[in-house]
C-alpha atoms as a PDB file:
ATOM      1  CA  MET A   1     -26.362  -2.893  18.975  1.00  0.00           C
ATOM      2  CA  ASP A   2     -25.217   0.098  20.767  1.00  0.00           C
ATOM      3  CA  ASP A   3     -21.790   0.235  19.186  1.00  0.00           C
ATOM      4  CA  ALA A   4     -22.934  -0.517  15.607  1.00  0.00           C
ATOM      5  CA  LEU A   5     -22.428   1.935  12.929  1.00  0.00           C
ATOM      6  CA  THR A   6     -24.923   2.557   9.971  1.00  0.00           C
ATOM      7  CA  VAL A   7     -23.337   3.484   6.906  1.00  0.00           C
ATOM      8  CA  ASP A   8     -25.880   5.090   4.303  1.00  0.00           C
ATOM      9  CA  LYS A   9     -23.106   6.915   2.163  1.00  0.00           C
ATOM     10  CA  ASN A  10     -20.807   5.748  -0.474  1.00  0.00           C
ATOM     11  CA  ILE A  11     -17.323   4.776   1.036  1.00  0.00           C
ATOM     12  CA  VAL A  12     -14.095   5.655  -0.734  1.00  0.00           C
ATOM     13  CA  VAL A  13     -10.915   4.036   0.433  1.00  0.00           C
ATOM     14  CA  ILE A  14      -7.909   5.958  -0.921  1.00  0.00           C
ATOM     15  CA  GLU A  15      -5.176   4.141   0.680  1.00  0.00           C
ATOM     16  CA  GLY A  16      -4.352   0.748   2.240  1.00  0.00           C
ATOM     17  CA  ASN A  17      -1.426  -1.392   1.463  1.00  0.00           C
ATOM     18  CA  TYR A  18      -2.990  -4.641   2.669  1.00  0.00           C
ATOM     19  CA  LEU A  19      -6.586  -4.057   1.452  1.00  0.00           C
ATOM     20  CA  LEU A  20      -5.950  -6.621  -1.450  1.00  0.00           C
ATOM     21  CA  LEU A  21      -3.592  -8.856   0.374  1.00  0.00           C
ATOM     22  CA  ASP A  22      -4.407 -12.626  -0.447  1.00  0.00           C
ATOM     23  CA  GLN A  23      -3.747 -13.924   2.798  1.00  0.00           C
ATOM     24  CA  PRO A  24      -6.135 -14.749   5.809  1.00  0.00           C
ATOM     25  CA  VAL A  25      -8.243 -12.002   7.341  1.00  0.00           C
ATOM     26  CA  TRP A  26      -7.307  -9.620   4.521  1.00  0.00           C
ATOM     27  CA  ASN A  27      -8.283 -11.573   1.668  1.00  0.00           C
ATOM     28  CA  GLY A  28     -12.022 -11.066   2.338  1.00  0.00           C
ATOM     29  CA  LEU A  29     -11.919  -7.326   2.168  1.00  0.00           C
ATOM     30  CA  LYS A  30     -11.959  -7.260  -1.700  1.00  0.00           C
ATOM     31  CA  ASN A  31     -15.670  -8.592  -1.506  1.00  0.00           C
ATOM     32  CA  PHE A  32     -16.785  -5.216   0.246  1.00  0.00           C
ATOM     33  CA  ALA A  33     -15.336  -3.126  -2.603  1.00  0.00           C
ATOM     34  CA  ASP A  34     -17.249  -2.440  -5.985  1.00  0.00           C
ATOM     35  CA  PHE A  35     -14.045  -1.225  -7.714  1.00  0.00           C
ATOM     36  CA  THR A  36     -10.350  -1.739  -6.781  1.00  0.00           C
ATOM     37  CA  VAL A  37      -7.147  -0.024  -7.865  1.00  0.00           C
ATOM     38  CA  PHE A  38      -3.522  -1.370  -7.187  1.00  0.00           C
ATOM     39  CA  ILE A  39      -0.723   0.825  -7.881  1.00  0.00           C
ATOM     40  CA  ASP A  40       2.538  -1.062  -8.505  1.00  0.00           C
ATOM     41  CA  THR A  41       6.041   0.502  -8.909  1.00  0.00           C
ATOM     42  CA  ASP A  42       9.799  -0.636  -8.872  1.00  0.00           C
ATOM     43  CA  PRO A  43      10.748  -1.715  -5.195  1.00  0.00           C
ATOM     44  CA  LEU A  44      13.905   0.167  -5.480  1.00  0.00           C
ATOM     45  CA  PHE A  45      11.911   3.363  -6.249  1.00  0.00           C
ATOM     46  CA  LEU A  46       9.865   2.754  -3.189  1.00  0.00           C
ATOM     47  CA  GLN A  47      12.849   2.154  -0.993  1.00  0.00           C
ATOM     48  CA  ASP A  48      14.170   5.615  -2.152  1.00  0.00           C
ATOM     49  CA  ARG A  49      10.909   7.332  -1.297  1.00  0.00           C
ATOM     50  CA  LEU A  50      10.425   5.482   2.103  1.00  0.00           C
ATOM     51  CA  VAL A  51      14.122   6.164   3.273  1.00  0.00           C
ATOM     52  CA  ASN A  52      14.037   9.739   2.109  1.00  0.00           C
ATOM     53  CA  ARG A  53      10.651  10.465   3.829  1.00  0.00           C
ATOM     54  CA  LYS A  54      12.140   9.284   7.053  1.00  0.00           C
ATOM     55  CA  VAL A  55      15.236  11.509   6.491  1.00  0.00           C
ATOM     56  CA  ARG A  56      13.018  14.516   5.570  1.00  0.00           C
ATOM     57  CA  GLY A  57      11.277  13.744   9.034  1.00  0.00           C
ATOM     58  CA  GLY A  58      14.552  13.978  10.987  1.00  0.00           C
ATOM     59  CA  THR A  59      15.753  10.465  11.110  1.00  0.00           C
ATOM     60  CA  SER A  60      19.418   9.739  10.127  1.00  0.00           C
ATOM     61  CA  GLU A  61      19.987   8.009   6.839  1.00  0.00           C
ATOM     62  CA  GLU A  62      21.439   4.948   8.425  1.00  0.00           C
ATOM     63  CA  ASP A  63      18.524   4.667  10.799  1.00  0.00           C
ATOM     64  CA  ALA A  64      16.031   5.178   8.011  1.00  0.00           C
ATOM     65  CA  LEU A  65      17.655   2.566   5.961  1.00  0.00           C
ATOM     66  CA  ASP A  66      17.744   0.114   9.010  1.00  0.00           C
ATOM     67  CA  PHE A  67      14.020   0.794   9.597  1.00  0.00           C
ATOM     68  CA  TYR A  68      13.330   0.166   5.798  1.00  0.00           C
ATOM     69  CA  TYR A  69      15.078  -3.243   5.881  1.00  0.00           C
ATOM     70  CA  LYS A  70      13.446  -4.390   9.106  1.00  0.00           C
ATOM     71  CA  SER A  71       9.917  -3.187   8.427  1.00  0.00           C
ATOM     72  CA  ASP A  72       9.155  -1.409   5.156  1.00  0.00           C
ATOM     73  CA  ALA A  73      11.060  -3.910   2.852  1.00  0.00           C
ATOM     74  CA  ILE A  74       9.040  -6.765   4.297  1.00  0.00           C
ATOM     75  CA  ASN A  75       5.672  -4.826   3.721  1.00  0.00           C
ATOM     76  CA  VAL A  76       6.733  -3.886   0.098  1.00  0.00           C
ATOM     77  CA  ASP A  77       7.579  -7.487  -0.724  1.00  0.00           C
ATOM     78  CA  ASN A  78       4.418  -8.780   0.921  1.00  0.00           C
ATOM     79  CA  VAL A  79       2.168  -6.383  -0.940  1.00  0.00           C
ATOM     80  CA  LEU A  80       3.814  -6.461  -4.321  1.00  0.00           C
ATOM     81  CA  ASN A  81       4.036 -10.246  -4.454  1.00  0.00           C
ATOM     82  CA  ASN A  82       0.934 -11.435  -2.708  1.00  0.00           C
ATOM     83  CA  SER A  83      -2.045  -9.149  -3.626  1.00  0.00           C
ATOM     84  CA  GLN A  84      -4.992 -10.069  -5.440  1.00  0.00           C
ATOM     85  CA  LYS A  85      -5.667  -8.887  -8.746  1.00  0.00           C
ATOM     86  CA  ALA A  86      -7.457  -5.250  -8.852  1.00  0.00           C
ATOM     87  CA  ASP A  87      -9.869  -4.164 -11.084  1.00  0.00           C
ATOM     88  CA  LEU A  88      -7.406  -1.532 -12.441  1.00  0.00           C
ATOM     89  CA  ASN A  89      -3.741  -1.832 -12.195  1.00  0.00           C
ATOM     90  CA  LEU A  90      -1.633   1.399 -12.445  1.00  0.00           C
ATOM     91  CA  TYR A  91       2.155   1.481 -12.411  1.00  0.00           C
ATOM     92  CA  LEU A  92       3.792   4.585 -10.800  1.00  0.00           C
ATOM     93  CA  ASN A  93       6.824   5.816 -12.959  1.00  0.00           C
ATOM     94  CA  GLN A  94       9.545   7.595 -11.081  1.00  0.00           C
ATOM     95  CA  ASP A  95       8.580  11.034 -12.513  1.00  0.00           C
ATOM     96  CA  GLY A  96       5.209  10.560 -10.876  1.00  0.00           C
ATOM     97  CA  SER A  97       3.374   9.693 -14.048  1.00  0.00           C
ATOM     98  CA  PHE A  98       1.235   6.454 -14.077  1.00  0.00           C
ATOM     99  CA  LYS A  99       0.961   3.836 -16.686  1.00  0.00           C
ATOM    100  CA  ILE A 100      -2.064   1.487 -17.111  1.00  0.00           C
END
């Protein structure tokens, strides 16, 4: 095929919220991974981080919070509650450290 890609090197995916999602289309991706890592954390901590990121980017706090509830919160809930088990689960603490 003219539009086919040949991959002859190792691939490392370093980010992808839905890559372990246990829902149609997404749930087959884990089969392509040799090793998976899931980073969990407190949803309220995620809310603070996501809202603050928007505010730092110039969005008002009210608009950032509105966006969080209309979009980010739905994704956070979906990923934290509907992902397949990873090979390694890490928990992100609020100080930036991780717990296994």
